[in-house]
Structures are given as structure tokens and as C-alpha cells.
Amino acid sequence: IYTAQGALAGPNYSTDILGTFLYRAFFGFQLQTGDPNMGAAIATMMFLIILGGVCVYLFLVQTRLRRYQF
């Protein structure tokens, strides 16, 4: 998406992804100043989303391993 749309992510940031949104919110972009509080909030949400995905993955792997052990 970044390659196709660039750093501004389309009209009104409609195709933005969390990584570039985090960078733009924390450090600022072009003449805009960054907001560290907003960047920290986005980073926290990214962490929780990734943590949830990893927990679901590990749960599914454990149930599959437990089924094939005995």
C-alpha cells in the first residue's frame, strides 16, 4: 500500500496502514508536528493486536499437538 499510495495514504488517509500511521503520528509528517501521546496509543494498540493473534496461534498449535501426542 505504501508503494502504491505513498506516505499520505490516499484521500483522507483511507488506505493507511498502522506502521506508517504510527510513524506519521509520532514524528510528524512534512510541516506537521508529531504527537508522542498519539504515537504511544497507536503502538499500544498494535502490540495488543499482535499479542492477541499470537495467543490464538499458540492456543491452536497446542491443541493440535495435544491431540497427536496420545
N, C-alpha and C. Protein backbone atom coordinates (compact mmCIF):
# COMPACT_ATOMS: atom_id res chain seq x y z
N ILE A 1 0.84 -1.19 0.00
CA ILE A 1 0.00 0.00 0.00
C ILE A 1 0.87 1.24 0.00
N TYR A 2 1.96 1.22 0.76
CA TYR A 2 2.85 2.38 0.82
C TYR A 2 3.45 2.68 -0.54
N THR A 3 3.80 1.65 -1.29
CA THR A 3 4.39 1.86 -2.61
C THR A 3 3.37 2.45 -3.58
N ALA A 4 2.14 2.01 -3.51
CA ALA A 4 1.12 2.48 -4.44
C ALA A 4 0.59 3.87 -4.07
N GLN A 5 0.38 4.13 -2.80
CA GLN A 5 -0.26 5.37 -2.37
C GLN A 5 0.71 6.42 -1.85
N GLY A 6 1.89 6.00 -1.41
CA GLY A 6 2.84 6.95 -0.84
C GLY A 6 2.60 7.16 0.64
N ALA A 7 3.29 8.12 1.21
CA ALA A 7 3.23 8.34 2.65
C ALA A 7 1.92 8.97 3.09
N LEU A 8 1.19 9.61 2.19
CA LEU A 8 -0.07 10.24 2.58
C LEU A 8 -1.24 9.28 2.56
N ALA A 9 -1.09 8.12 1.96
CA ALA A 9 -2.07 7.04 2.02
C ALA A 9 -3.43 7.40 1.44
N GLY A 10 -3.46 7.93 0.28
CA GLY A 10 -4.71 8.15 -0.42
C GLY A 10 -5.52 9.31 0.13
N PRO A 11 -6.75 9.46 -0.36
CA PRO A 11 -7.57 10.57 0.10
C PRO A 11 -8.00 10.40 1.56
N ASN A 12 -7.71 11.38 2.35
CA ASN A 12 -8.10 11.40 3.76
C ASN A 12 -7.58 10.18 4.52
N TYR A 13 -6.39 9.70 4.16
CA TYR A 13 -5.71 8.57 4.82
C TYR A 13 -6.56 7.30 4.80
N SER A 14 -7.33 7.07 3.74
CA SER A 14 -8.25 5.94 3.69
C SER A 14 -7.55 4.60 3.52
N THR A 15 -6.36 4.58 2.93
CA THR A 15 -5.65 3.32 2.75
C THR A 15 -4.40 3.25 3.62
N ASP A 16 -4.42 3.91 4.74
CA ASP A 16 -3.26 3.94 5.63
C ASP A 16 -3.11 2.61 6.35
N ILE A 17 -1.87 2.24 6.68
CA ILE A 17 -1.60 1.05 7.48
C ILE A 17 -1.04 1.52 8.82
N LEU A 18 -1.08 0.65 9.82
CA LEU A 18 -0.73 1.07 11.17
C LEU A 18 0.73 1.50 11.30
N GLY A 19 1.62 0.88 10.57
CA GLY A 19 3.03 1.23 10.68
C GLY A 19 3.32 2.65 10.24
N THR A 20 2.81 3.04 9.08
CA THR A 20 3.05 4.41 8.61
C THR A 20 2.23 5.41 9.41
N PHE A 21 1.06 5.00 9.86
CA PHE A 21 0.25 5.89 10.70
C PHE A 21 0.96 6.17 12.03
N LEU A 22 1.57 5.13 12.60
CA LEU A 22 2.33 5.31 13.84
C LEU A 22 3.49 6.27 13.62
N TYR A 23 4.24 6.08 12.56
CA TYR A 23 5.38 6.95 12.29
C TYR A 23 4.94 8.39 12.07
N ARG A 24 3.89 8.58 11.28
CA ARG A 24 3.42 9.93 10.98
C ARG A 24 2.83 10.60 12.22
N ALA A 25 2.14 9.84 13.08
CA ALA A 25 1.56 10.42 14.28
C ALA A 25 2.64 10.76 15.31
N PHE A 26 3.63 9.89 15.46
CA PHE A 26 4.64 10.10 16.49
C PHE A 26 5.65 11.17 16.10
N PHE A 27 6.19 11.09 14.89
CA PHE A 27 7.24 12.00 14.47
C PHE A 27 6.75 13.19 13.66
N GLY A 28 5.54 13.12 13.14
CA GLY A 28 5.03 14.18 12.29
C GLY A 28 5.37 13.91 10.84
N PHE A 29 4.75 14.66 9.94
CA PHE A 29 4.98 14.47 8.52
C PHE A 29 4.95 15.82 7.83
N GLN A 30 5.90 16.07 6.99
CA GLN A 30 6.08 17.33 6.27
C GLN A 30 6.12 18.48 7.27
N LEU A 31 5.17 19.38 7.27
CA LEU A 31 5.21 20.52 8.19
C LEU A 31 4.39 20.32 9.45
N GLN A 32 3.80 19.15 9.62
CA GLN A 32 3.00 18.87 10.81
C GLN A 32 3.92 18.41 11.94
N THR A 33 3.59 18.79 13.14
CA THR A 33 4.37 18.33 14.30
C THR A 33 3.79 17.01 14.79
N GLY A 34 4.64 16.20 15.36
CA GLY A 34 4.21 14.91 15.86
C GLY A 34 3.57 15.01 17.23
N ASP A 35 2.83 13.99 17.58
CA ASP A 35 2.19 13.90 18.90
C ASP A 35 2.62 12.58 19.54
N PRO A 36 3.57 12.62 20.48
CA PRO A 36 4.05 11.38 21.09
C PRO A 36 2.95 10.60 21.81
N ASN A 37 1.96 11.28 22.36
CA ASN A 37 0.88 10.57 23.04
C ASN A 37 0.05 9.74 22.07
N MET A 38 -0.25 10.30 20.92
CA MET A 38 -1.00 9.56 19.90
C MET A 38 -0.15 8.41 19.36
N GLY A 39 1.13 8.64 19.16
CA GLY A 39 2.01 7.58 18.71
C GLY A 39 2.10 6.44 19.71
N ALA A 40 2.15 6.77 20.99
CA ALA A 40 2.19 5.73 22.02
C ALA A 40 0.88 4.94 22.06
N ALA A 41 -0.23 5.61 21.86
CA ALA A 41 -1.53 4.92 21.85
C ALA A 41 -1.62 3.97 20.65
N ILE A 42 -1.14 4.40 19.50
CA ILE A 42 -1.16 3.54 18.31
C ILE A 42 -0.23 2.35 18.51
N ALA A 43 0.95 2.59 19.10
CA ALA A 43 1.89 1.49 19.36
C ALA A 43 1.30 0.48 20.34
N THR A 44 0.58 0.96 21.34
CA THR A 44 -0.06 0.06 22.30
C THR A 44 -1.13 -0.79 21.63
N MET A 45 -1.93 -0.18 20.77
CA MET A 45 -2.96 -0.93 20.06
C MET A 45 -2.34 -1.96 19.11
N MET A 46 -1.24 -1.59 18.44
CA MET A 46 -0.55 -2.55 17.58
C MET A 46 -0.04 -3.73 18.39
N PHE A 47 0.52 -3.45 19.56
CA PHE A 47 1.03 -4.51 20.43
C PHE A 47 -0.10 -5.45 20.86
N LEU A 48 -1.24 -4.89 21.25
CA LEU A 48 -2.36 -5.72 21.70
C LEU A 48 -2.93 -6.57 20.56
N ILE A 49 -3.00 -6.02 19.37
CA ILE A 49 -3.48 -6.79 18.21
C ILE A 49 -2.54 -7.95 17.91
N ILE A 50 -1.24 -7.68 17.91
CA ILE A 50 -0.26 -8.74 17.65
C ILE A 50 -0.27 -9.77 18.76
N LEU A 51 -0.37 -9.32 20.01
CA LEU A 51 -0.42 -10.24 21.14
C LEU A 51 -1.63 -11.16 21.06
N GLY A 52 -2.78 -10.61 20.69
CA GLY A 52 -3.98 -11.43 20.53
C GLY A 52 -3.81 -12.47 19.44
N GLY A 53 -3.23 -12.08 18.31
CA GLY A 53 -3.01 -13.03 17.22
C GLY A 53 -2.05 -14.14 17.61
N VAL A 54 -0.99 -13.78 18.33
CA VAL A 54 -0.01 -14.79 18.77
C VAL A 54 -0.64 -15.74 19.78
N CYS A 55 -1.46 -15.23 20.69
CA CYS A 55 -2.12 -16.10 21.67
C CYS A 55 -3.07 -17.09 21.00
N VAL A 56 -3.83 -16.62 20.02
CA VAL A 56 -4.73 -17.52 19.29
C VAL A 56 -3.92 -18.57 18.55
N TYR A 57 -2.84 -18.16 17.90
CA TYR A 57 -1.99 -19.11 17.17
C TYR A 57 -1.40 -20.16 18.11
N LEU A 58 -0.86 -19.73 19.25
CA LEU A 58 -0.27 -20.68 20.19
C LEU A 58 -1.31 -21.62 20.77
N PHE A 59 -2.51 -21.13 21.02
CA PHE A 59 -3.58 -21.99 21.52
C PHE A 59 -3.93 -23.07 20.49
N LEU A 60 -4.04 -22.68 19.23
CA LEU A 60 -4.36 -23.66 18.20
C LEU A 60 -3.24 -24.67 18.00
N VAL A 61 -2.00 -24.24 18.08
CA VAL A 61 -0.88 -25.16 17.94
C VAL A 61 -0.84 -26.13 19.12
N GLN A 62 -1.08 -25.65 20.32
CA GLN A 62 -1.07 -26.52 21.50
C GLN A 62 -2.19 -27.56 21.44
N THR A 63 -3.38 -27.16 21.00
CA THR A 63 -4.46 -28.14 20.91
C THR A 63 -4.16 -29.19 19.84
N ARG A 64 -3.53 -28.79 18.75
CA ARG A 64 -3.17 -29.75 17.71
C ARG A 64 -2.09 -30.70 18.21
N LEU A 65 -1.09 -30.20 18.94
CA LEU A 65 -0.04 -31.06 19.48
C LEU A 65 -0.59 -32.01 20.53
N ARG A 66 -1.48 -31.53 21.37
CA ARG A 66 -2.06 -32.36 22.42
C ARG A 66 -2.89 -33.49 21.81
N ARG A 67 -3.55 -33.22 20.70
CA ARG A 67 -4.38 -34.22 20.05
C ARG A 67 -3.53 -35.35 19.46
N TYR A 68 -2.33 -35.05 18.98
CA TYR A 68 -1.50 -36.05 18.32
C TYR A 68 -0.49 -36.73 19.26
N GLN A 69 -0.41 -36.32 20.51
CA GLN A 69 0.57 -36.94 21.41
C GLN A 69 0.14 -38.33 21.84
N PHE A 70 -1.13 -38.52 22.18
CA PHE A 70 -1.56 -39.83 22.68
C PHE A 70 -2.66 -40.38 21.85
